Amino acid sequence: MEASRNYEITPGLENYGYNDDEGRPKAIKRGEAAAGAMVMTDVVSRPAQGLNNPSFLPESEVSVNDISPAAREPEEKEDGSENDLVYSVDDVPPWYISIPLGFQQFLTMVGSTISIPYILTPLICIDSSDPARGKLLCTILFVSGMVTFLQSTIGIRLPIIQGGTFSFLVPTIAILNTKFESCDDALQSNMTAEEVEEVWQVRIREIQGAIAVSSIVQIVIGFSGLVGLLLKWITPLTIVPTVTLVGLALFDIAAEKASLNWGIAIITIVLLILFSQYMKEIPLPIPTYKVGSGCTISWFYIFKLFPVLLAILLSWGLCAILTAAELLPEGNPARTDLNIDLINKSPWFRFPYPCQWGLPTVSAAAVLGMVAGVIASMIESIGDYYACARIAGAPPPPVHAINRGIGFEGIGCLLAGLWGSGNGTTSYSENIGAIGVTKVGSRRVVQFAAVTMMVSGIVGKFGAAMVTIPDPVVGGIFLVMFSMITAVGLSSLQYVSLSSSRNIFVIGFSIFFGLALPKWFQANSDAIQTGSETFDQVLTVLLQTSMLMGGILGCFLDNTIPGTPEERGLLKWNRHLISSSEKDEIKSDCYDLPIGMETIRKMAWTEYLPFCPNFTGCCRRRKGSFAP
């Protein structure tokens, strides 16, 4: 019997035939070319071009040889488990899938991003009804988009979102409290609009200068390779408490937002779990059109690709309906009209530009205090790099990629200081959690998210509209995302021996103490009195950062308490970090620069540049001379 002319499904729409003998969608293994089945080509080898891409060729016109080895068989992890990612880091989804996936990443990060100006603006004397609040929000979004694009394209080259960080808020508060009078004293009723504007602009210029200058420290540490030199002491038992505490330390933020209306938060959680876990293998029919063949039906895994986006939109819509029906009382955090004035007062278009609030001012105390935020951000980001690589289907980042990632994160902080966002930039842990939920780890999706951020930063009303997402909805999403981060951190325990009492002690004590000490210092922020206000600020910030405390403690204990390499997990761990075979080299190509690699490899001197992909270092063996 002649095979039916079923067309291959678009990358990302999964590998389903039209039906089985009973008329239901039929699952076909990737790469299977049986009669009547749809063949899924490798996304990298055959870039998507909408409905005109080769993915829609009739089965009879597609040769099995055209399918890359990666697409013929499901990718397996080294532990033997199958990688169920829809898109891995190097995959290129079609643009019509990348746009909503990027928007989903944008919605995931926007909750934390918009919370920063809400915390910052009262501290620098901006009134809640002042349009400057919206301008500051748009500036943060625009800068976050620029830095995210640079980081994902040239920097660490992982699907990692960059945005504002709470690590910079503690030194910011200390700077404002020590250098300026309170807003109640600074603002007088007889002031003109220009005088009121100068009150808050002089404060943000001080913050700008501190962030811009302190970022130079991060740039030097990254591009000089100092971070890479420290990686020899960063073991699985260092990564576990660092990444795990990133998730655990954020539960207060998630719980606080969710507690504003537990009903809406739980509905959001139920929707997200339902879409991402129970309905992820349920395809929906989507009509498609191809020239010469007419309309056909493709089966689309909408719940697997867009669980976060669907959960946010449905919960947000429910809140809008309840608000319109007046079923939510006035002032309830679940209402969508609480910040409607900000939308009305925001301009349609406004392009953020450097030094828009005036030239930044610099003082030694402010810069040294802000360095503490930079250090905390770097430690958190290194843990995020490993977590993102693991969850996005990429090998652990090599030394040169981490050096480059930290260096570009410093450049991001420099840009944030010059543009006047009032905050620095760091990697966003919640977006790494979103990858774990959606199973989409494509770098291209994050680049689309970066463009979305920049556009929203230019279109003032669009950015301001994001403020209407109710906090309980954001809290529900965060509760799921942060739990994913915690679990990803714990997953690195697969490398170590859990039957060792030594390892059990290092894990338990570093995590518990990493939670306990920062919690106490947050409640007793004035406990350190050394006589030097700047030194007090630095210590206070460091001791309040749980992932920093847990990571340092885990690193110290694991490198000082006697233990065999096998017991500590170094033998399995080093297989990821040392490219001693051709297979490892191919897997690490995802960290190469997007252009110019052939030219760079011809220049022998680039082997000594810590941020170059062919970096070997002065004391490391050349490729091919590694003795196993």
Foldseek 3Di string as FASTA:
>chain_A
DAFDFFAAFAQQQAWWFQQDPVRHIHHDFALDLDRRTHHDAAQQLFPDDPQPTNRGPTSVPDDSVRHDPPRNHFDADPVGHGQPFSAFAAGHHDPVLLQVLLVLLLLLPLLVLLVVLVVVCQLLQHDLLDLVSLLLSLLQLQLQLVLLLCCCFFALVWLWGKGFDCLQVLLLSLCSVPPHDHSVVLDDPPDDPVSSLVSSLLSLLQLLQLLQVLLVVLLCCQQVLVVLVCVVLQFLLLLLLLLLCVLVVCLVLLCVLQVLDVVLLVQLLVQLCCLLPVQQPPWDWDWDQDPPPGIDIGTGRCSLQRSSVVSLVVSLVVLDVCQVVCVDDPPRLSHLCPSVSSLVPWAQFDAQDFCPSHNRDYDPLSNLLSNLSLVLQLSSQLSLQQLSCVLSVAFRRESLSSSRSSNSQSVSSNVCSRSSSSGGMHTDQLSSLVCNRSSHTYSSSSSSSSVVSSVCSGRSSSSSSSVSSGSSSSSSSSVSSSVSSNVSSVVSCVLADPVDPLSVCLNVVLNVVLPPQLVVCVVVVPPDPPPDSSVSSSVSSQRNNSSNSSSVSSSVSLVPPDDDCSNSSVVVVVVRHDCQDPVSVVSNCSSANPDDPVVCVVDPVNLCRSNHPNPQHDPGDHHPPDDD
